[in-house]
Amino acid sequence: MLLIQLPLELQLLILEHIKIENHLNLAPISQTCKHFSSLVTDRYNWAQTVTIIQSNSTTLSLPSLYLYNALQKNTNNHLITNKIQASVNNEPNLSIILAILKKQQKDNTIQDINIFLPNKHQYKLYQTLIHYPQTNLRQLIIRDPTDDGYIMAATSSASQYHMLLLLQQFLSGTLFESQLTMTRLDLPSFPSYILLASQIKEFPQVSYLHIALVGNSHQYRKSWRRFKEMFPALVELRLTIDKEHLPLFKSLLDDINLFPWIKRLTLQSKDCPKNFLSREELRNSLLQLDGLNRITAGWDMIALN
């Protein structure tokens, strides 16, 4: 066990013993610790790109606690981070990501956010972005690389209703402010119907979109028209889907008048898409939809022009 993991009382007893037995002056140690703590809070150490990769070793998660505590000591919002990228799966490492977002200068917000973390922790990230919106985002990636089939607010439970309200607030804050600067939106578990029902008119520069396809079964054509209006420059569309909303996906393949629009279409699901989509269906769609040159849905179909 590391010294820092012991109760504070034991740590003090150990230091006192070292001091008595070795006539050690603890002042230099104290000053060194304070010095490095102040260095951690230096905003220029958090400029440009910040990368946080969690180790498989649980003991190595302790450094993130040191960084978090050092950041918390400075109450000023002074960071000038340009990009944050992280792959974490526990609270201590997530806390430092949230601290960086909270400490960012309001007139110099983060442009690229690329976060891999479990679905169960994602609501904390959305919640922080609501209260500390990054208003000039170019790329926003929030995903669980171990479970891309998960869809948020997919049931009518009380907890999912709370999540629905949270996502709506996120749309009206961070995404609304970044609609003109955004180029890549990668939110595999974010329900499409919440996005389409928002007050956001258009993301004119988004070329890549990954979202969970969820919609009203009586408004298929209207949903896809709204998609195209909101993302006119879209090149690649990737959809997370469950079997319940398969008809909505197929309605896209049947809407010839919607094209030319996207060039690549990808479908992913907890169940292999091969179980409910045939190769012939995808082949026919690829041939009849103008401008679409690749469909990946269990099968990988490429148009040879």
Protein backbone atom coordinates (compact mmCIF):
# COMPACT_ATOMS: atom_id res chain seq x y z
CA MET A 1 0.00 0.00 0.00
CA LEU A 2 1.22 3.51 -0.82
CA LEU A 3 1.82 6.01 1.99
CA ILE A 4 -0.85 8.32 0.61
CA GLN A 5 -3.47 5.57 0.97
CA LEU A 6 -3.00 5.27 4.73
CA PRO A 7 -5.20 7.20 7.18
CA LEU A 8 -3.94 10.73 7.79
CA GLU A 9 -3.16 9.96 11.44
CA LEU A 10 -0.81 7.14 10.43
CA GLN A 11 0.85 9.31 7.80
CA LEU A 12 1.60 11.97 10.43
CA LEU A 13 2.98 9.37 12.86
CA ILE A 14 5.29 7.98 10.17
CA LEU A 15 6.57 11.44 9.28
CA GLU A 16 7.10 12.26 12.94
CA HIS A 17 9.07 9.03 13.42
CA ILE A 18 11.23 9.81 10.39
CA LYS A 19 11.87 13.29 11.72
CA ILE A 20 12.90 12.05 15.19
CA GLU A 21 15.07 9.15 14.06
CA ASN A 22 16.83 10.93 11.22
CA HIS A 23 16.71 14.53 12.37
CA LEU A 24 14.98 15.23 9.08
CA ASN A 25 13.82 18.73 8.32
CA LEU A 26 10.38 18.30 6.74
CA ALA A 27 10.16 21.90 5.55
CA PRO A 28 11.88 21.25 2.18
CA ILE A 29 9.51 18.34 1.52
CA SER A 30 6.54 20.57 2.28
CA GLN A 31 7.84 23.34 0.04
CA THR A 32 8.53 20.90 -2.80
CA CYS A 33 5.00 19.51 -2.61
CA LYS A 34 3.53 23.02 -2.66
CA HIS A 35 5.76 23.95 -5.59
CA PHE A 36 4.65 21.01 -7.73
CA SER A 37 1.04 21.59 -6.73
CA SER A 38 1.28 25.16 -8.03
CA LEU A 39 2.86 23.90 -11.25
CA VAL A 40 -0.10 21.62 -11.85
CA THR A 41 -2.47 24.58 -11.66
CA ASP A 42 -0.45 26.57 -14.22
CA ARG A 43 -2.87 27.08 -17.09
CA TYR A 44 -0.13 26.63 -19.69
CA ASN A 45 0.19 22.99 -18.63
CA TRP A 46 -3.44 22.56 -19.71
CA ALA A 47 -3.15 24.31 -23.06
CA GLN A 48 -3.55 22.78 -26.53
CA THR A 49 -4.23 19.01 -26.18
CA VAL A 50 -4.75 17.24 -22.85
CA THR A 51 -4.77 13.43 -22.95
CA ILE A 52 -5.91 11.22 -20.08
CA ILE A 53 -5.49 7.47 -20.49
CA GLN A 54 -6.47 5.26 -17.57
CA SER A 55 -4.13 2.44 -16.63
CA ASN A 56 -5.43 -1.05 -15.91
CA SER A 57 -3.73 -0.82 -12.52
CA THR A 58 -6.02 0.55 -9.81
CA THR A 59 -3.11 1.99 -7.85
CA LEU A 60 -2.12 4.14 -10.79
CA SER A 61 -5.44 5.98 -10.64
CA LEU A 62 -4.08 7.91 -7.64
CA PRO A 63 -2.15 10.49 -9.72
CA SER A 64 -5.44 11.71 -11.15
CA LEU A 65 -6.60 12.45 -7.61
CA TYR A 66 -3.50 14.56 -7.03
CA LEU A 67 -4.15 16.48 -10.24
CA TYR A 68 -7.81 16.93 -9.37
CA ASN A 69 -7.05 18.25 -5.88
CA ALA A 70 -4.45 20.65 -7.25
CA LEU A 71 -6.91 22.02 -9.79
CA GLN A 72 -9.57 22.43 -7.13
CA LYS A 73 -7.28 24.64 -5.04
CA ASN A 74 -7.44 27.34 -7.69
CA THR A 75 -10.91 28.87 -7.79
CA ASN A 76 -10.31 30.88 -10.97
CA ASN A 77 -11.58 29.70 -14.34
CA HIS A 78 -8.31 30.12 -16.16
CA LEU A 79 -7.53 27.05 -18.29
CA ILE A 80 -6.91 27.47 -22.02
CA THR A 81 -7.28 23.87 -23.18
CA ASN A 82 -7.93 23.49 -26.90
CA LYS A 83 -8.63 19.76 -27.03
CA ILE A 84 -9.30 17.08 -24.43
CA GLN A 85 -9.16 13.39 -25.24
CA ALA A 86 -9.61 10.67 -22.64
CA SER A 87 -10.35 7.00 -22.11
CA VAL A 88 -11.50 6.35 -18.54
CA ASN A 89 -13.87 4.09 -16.66
CA ASN A 90 -13.92 5.24 -13.04
CA GLU A 91 -14.89 8.24 -10.91
CA PRO A 92 -11.40 9.59 -10.03
CA ASN A 93 -10.34 9.88 -13.67
CA LEU A 94 -13.70 11.26 -14.75
CA SER A 95 -13.49 13.91 -12.02
CA ILE A 96 -10.39 15.46 -13.56
CA ILE A 97 -12.11 15.69 -16.96
CA LEU A 98 -15.04 17.48 -15.35
CA ALA A 99 -12.65 19.78 -13.47
CA ILE A 100 -10.97 20.80 -16.74
CA LEU A 101 -14.36 21.66 -18.26
CA LYS A 102 -15.33 23.68 -15.19
CA LYS A 103 -12.03 25.59 -15.10
CA GLN A 104 -12.02 26.57 -18.76
CA GLN A 105 -11.94 30.27 -19.64
CA LYS A 106 -15.37 31.42 -20.82
CA ASP A 107 -13.89 33.36 -23.73
CA ASN A 108 -11.53 30.54 -24.73
CA THR A 109 -13.56 27.35 -24.60
CA ILE A 110 -12.52 23.86 -25.68
CA GLN A 111 -12.88 23.11 -29.40
CA ASP A 112 -12.51 19.30 -29.47
CA ILE A 113 -13.89 16.86 -26.88
CA ASN A 114 -13.15 13.17 -27.40
CA ILE A 115 -14.20 11.10 -24.39
CA PHE A 116 -14.49 7.31 -24.10
CA LEU A 117 -16.24 6.29 -20.88
CA PRO A 118 -18.92 3.83 -19.72
CA ASN A 119 -22.53 4.69 -20.52
CA LYS A 120 -23.41 4.75 -16.81
CA HIS A 121 -21.09 7.75 -16.29
CA GLN A 122 -22.01 9.75 -19.39
CA TYR A 123 -24.83 11.67 -17.71
CA LYS A 124 -22.24 13.37 -15.48
CA LEU A 125 -20.39 14.62 -18.52
CA TYR A 126 -23.58 15.94 -20.13
CA GLN A 127 -24.57 17.55 -16.84
CA THR A 128 -21.25 19.38 -16.61
CA LEU A 129 -21.51 20.57 -20.22
CA ILE A 130 -24.93 22.04 -19.39
CA HIS A 131 -23.54 24.17 -16.57
CA TYR A 132 -20.20 24.89 -18.27
CA PRO A 133 -21.00 24.96 -22.02
CA GLN A 134 -18.15 24.91 -24.51
CA THR A 135 -19.49 27.33 -27.08
CA ASN A 136 -17.19 26.82 -30.09
CA LEU A 137 -16.94 23.06 -30.42
CA ARG A 138 -15.68 21.55 -33.66
CA GLN A 139 -15.81 17.90 -32.59
CA LEU A 140 -17.82 16.24 -29.85
CA ILE A 141 -17.30 12.53 -29.23
CA ILE A 142 -18.88 10.83 -26.20
CA ARG A 143 -19.05 7.08 -26.42
CA ASP A 144 -18.62 3.76 -24.67
CA PRO A 145 -16.31 1.69 -26.92
CA THR A 146 -17.45 -1.51 -25.19
CA ASP A 147 -21.19 -0.98 -25.80
CA ASP A 148 -22.15 1.04 -28.87
CA GLY A 149 -25.59 -0.59 -28.94
CA TYR A 150 -26.84 1.26 -25.86
CA ILE A 151 -29.50 3.96 -26.37
CA MET A 152 -30.21 6.59 -23.70
CA ALA A 153 -33.76 7.44 -22.59
CA ALA A 154 -35.06 4.38 -24.42
CA THR A 155 -37.65 3.46 -21.75
CA SER A 156 -40.35 5.34 -19.85
CA SER A 157 -38.87 4.85 -16.36
CA ALA A 158 -38.43 7.79 -13.99
CA SER A 159 -34.64 7.69 -14.30
CA GLN A 160 -34.87 7.70 -18.10
CA TYR A 161 -37.29 10.64 -17.97
CA HIS A 162 -34.70 12.54 -15.95
CA MET A 163 -32.12 11.64 -18.61
CA LEU A 164 -34.46 12.93 -21.32
CA LEU A 165 -34.71 16.33 -19.61
CA LEU A 166 -30.94 16.38 -19.17
CA LEU A 167 -30.32 15.76 -22.87
CA GLN A 168 -32.82 18.44 -23.86
CA GLN A 169 -30.98 20.96 -21.68
CA PHE A 170 -27.69 19.89 -23.24
CA LEU A 171 -29.09 20.55 -26.72
CA SER A 172 -30.37 24.01 -25.83
CA GLY A 173 -27.02 24.91 -24.26
CA THR A 174 -23.76 23.50 -25.59
CA LEU A 175 -24.98 22.15 -28.94
CA PHE A 176 -27.07 25.21 -29.72
CA GLU A 177 -24.07 27.47 -29.11
CA SER A 178 -21.79 25.30 -31.28
CA GLN A 179 -24.09 24.63 -34.22
CA LEU A 180 -22.14 26.87 -36.61
CA THR A 181 -18.68 25.53 -35.69
CA MET A 182 -19.38 21.80 -35.27
CA THR A 183 -17.92 19.47 -37.92
CA ARG A 184 -18.14 16.04 -36.25
CA LEU A 185 -20.86 14.82 -33.87
CA ASP A 186 -20.28 11.31 -32.51
CA LEU A 187 -22.90 10.42 -29.87
CA PRO A 188 -23.84 6.75 -30.49
CA SER A 189 -26.31 6.53 -27.59
CA PHE A 190 -28.02 9.92 -28.09
CA PRO A 191 -31.66 9.47 -29.30
CA SER A 192 -32.28 11.11 -32.66
CA TYR A 193 -35.85 12.18 -31.87
CA ILE A 194 -34.59 14.52 -29.13
CA LEU A 195 -32.17 16.17 -31.55
CA LEU A 196 -34.73 16.52 -34.35
CA ALA A 197 -37.29 18.06 -31.97
CA SER A 198 -34.85 20.71 -30.73
CA GLN A 199 -34.78 24.39 -31.67
CA ILE A 200 -31.48 23.96 -33.50
CA LYS A 201 -32.04 24.86 -37.13
CA GLU A 202 -28.91 23.59 -38.83
CA PHE A 203 -25.36 22.25 -38.41
CA PRO A 204 -23.99 23.59 -41.71
CA GLN A 205 -20.48 22.12 -41.34
CA VAL A 206 -21.12 18.67 -39.85
CA SER A 207 -19.84 15.99 -42.24
CA TYR A 208 -19.90 13.04 -39.80
CA LEU A 209 -22.83 12.11 -37.56
CA HIS A 210 -23.24 9.09 -35.28
CA ILE A 211 -26.51 8.96 -33.36
CA ALA A 212 -29.09 6.48 -32.07
CA LEU A 213 -32.02 6.16 -34.48
CA VAL A 214 -35.26 6.49 -32.51
CA GLY A 215 -38.42 8.01 -33.96
CA ASN A 216 -42.17 8.10 -34.41
CA SER A 217 -43.43 5.29 -36.65
CA HIS A 218 -46.01 7.62 -38.24
CA GLN A 219 -43.55 10.31 -39.32
CA TYR A 220 -40.83 8.44 -41.21
CA ARG A 221 -40.59 10.75 -44.20
CA LYS A 222 -40.80 13.89 -42.06
CA SER A 223 -37.96 12.62 -39.83
CA TRP A 224 -35.56 12.14 -42.73
CA ARG A 225 -36.46 15.50 -44.26
CA ARG A 226 -35.60 17.09 -40.92
CA PHE A 227 -32.32 15.15 -40.81
CA LYS A 228 -31.30 16.50 -44.20
CA GLU A 229 -32.32 20.07 -43.33
CA MET A 230 -30.33 19.93 -40.09
CA PHE A 231 -27.25 18.29 -41.66
CA PRO A 232 -27.06 19.50 -45.28
CA ALA A 233 -23.30 18.85 -45.61
CA LEU A 234 -23.40 15.35 -44.14
CA VAL A 235 -21.09 12.84 -45.83
CA GLU A 236 -21.13 9.90 -43.40
CA LEU A 237 -24.11 8.84 -41.28
CA ARG A 238 -23.69 6.12 -38.66
CA LEU A 239 -26.76 4.89 -36.79
CA THR A 240 -27.20 2.89 -33.59
CA ILE A 241 -30.49 1.00 -33.82
CA ASP A 242 -32.61 -1.71 -32.23
CA LYS A 243 -35.09 -3.95 -34.06
CA GLU A 244 -38.03 -1.84 -32.94
CA HIS A 245 -36.91 1.07 -35.11
CA LEU A 246 -35.79 -0.93 -38.14
CA PRO A 247 -38.77 0.36 -40.24
CA LEU A 248 -37.47 3.91 -39.73
CA PHE A 249 -34.09 2.88 -41.14
CA LYS A 250 -35.69 1.10 -44.09
CA SER A 251 -37.74 4.20 -44.87
CA LEU A 252 -34.46 6.01 -45.53
CA LEU A 253 -33.45 3.34 -48.04
CA ASP A 254 -36.83 3.71 -49.79
CA ASP A 255 -36.75 7.51 -50.09
CA ILE A 256 -35.13 8.07 -53.49
CA ASN A 257 -36.06 11.76 -53.54
CA LEU A 258 -33.93 12.43 -50.45
CA PHE A 259 -30.77 11.81 -52.47
CA PRO A 260 -28.16 12.92 -53.39
CA TRP A 261 -27.22 13.54 -49.77
CA ILE A 262 -24.96 11.24 -47.73
CA LYS A 263 -22.20 9.14 -49.32
CA ARG A 264 -21.71 6.50 -46.64
CA LEU A 265 -24.27 4.84 -44.36
CA THR A 266 -23.41 2.53 -41.44
CA LEU A 267 -25.75 0.63 -39.14
CA GLN A 268 -24.79 -0.90 -35.81
CA SER A 269 -26.85 -2.79 -33.27
CA LYS A 270 -26.54 -5.13 -30.31
CA ASP A 271 -27.95 -7.76 -32.67
CA CYS A 272 -26.02 -8.35 -35.88
CA PRO A 273 -27.77 -6.40 -38.69
CA LYS A 274 -27.41 -9.49 -40.89
CA ASN A 275 -30.22 -11.02 -38.81
CA PHE A 276 -32.78 -8.52 -40.09
CA LEU A 277 -31.33 -7.03 -43.30
CA SER A 278 -30.55 -9.07 -46.38
CA ARG A 279 -27.64 -8.51 -48.73
CA GLU A 280 -30.10 -8.09 -51.60
CA GLU A 281 -31.95 -5.26 -49.81
CA LEU A 282 -28.74 -3.34 -49.26
CA ARG A 283 -27.51 -3.98 -52.78
CA ASN A 284 -30.72 -2.64 -54.32
CA SER A 285 -30.61 0.45 -52.12
CA LEU A 286 -27.03 1.15 -53.08
CA LEU A 287 -27.94 0.97 -56.77
CA GLN A 288 -30.97 3.24 -56.59
CA LEU A 289 -29.89 5.98 -54.15
CA ASP A 290 -28.00 8.72 -56.00
CA GLY A 291 -24.61 9.55 -54.49
CA LEU A 292 -24.62 6.81 -51.84
CA ASN A 293 -21.51 4.71 -52.47
CA ARG A 294 -21.21 2.53 -49.36
CA ILE A 295 -23.55 0.79 -46.92
CA THR A 296 -22.26 -1.17 -43.93
CA ALA A 297 -24.93 -3.09 -42.03
CA GLY A 298 -23.58 -6.51 -41.22
CA TRP A 299 -22.77 -6.68 -44.92
CA ASP A 300 -20.31 -4.18 -46.36
CA MET A 301 -21.57 -3.04 -49.76
CA ILE A 302 -19.55 -0.69 -51.98
CA ALA A 303 -20.77 0.87 -55.23
CA LEU A 304 -18.28 0.64 -58.08
CA ASN A 305 -18.85 3.63 -60.33
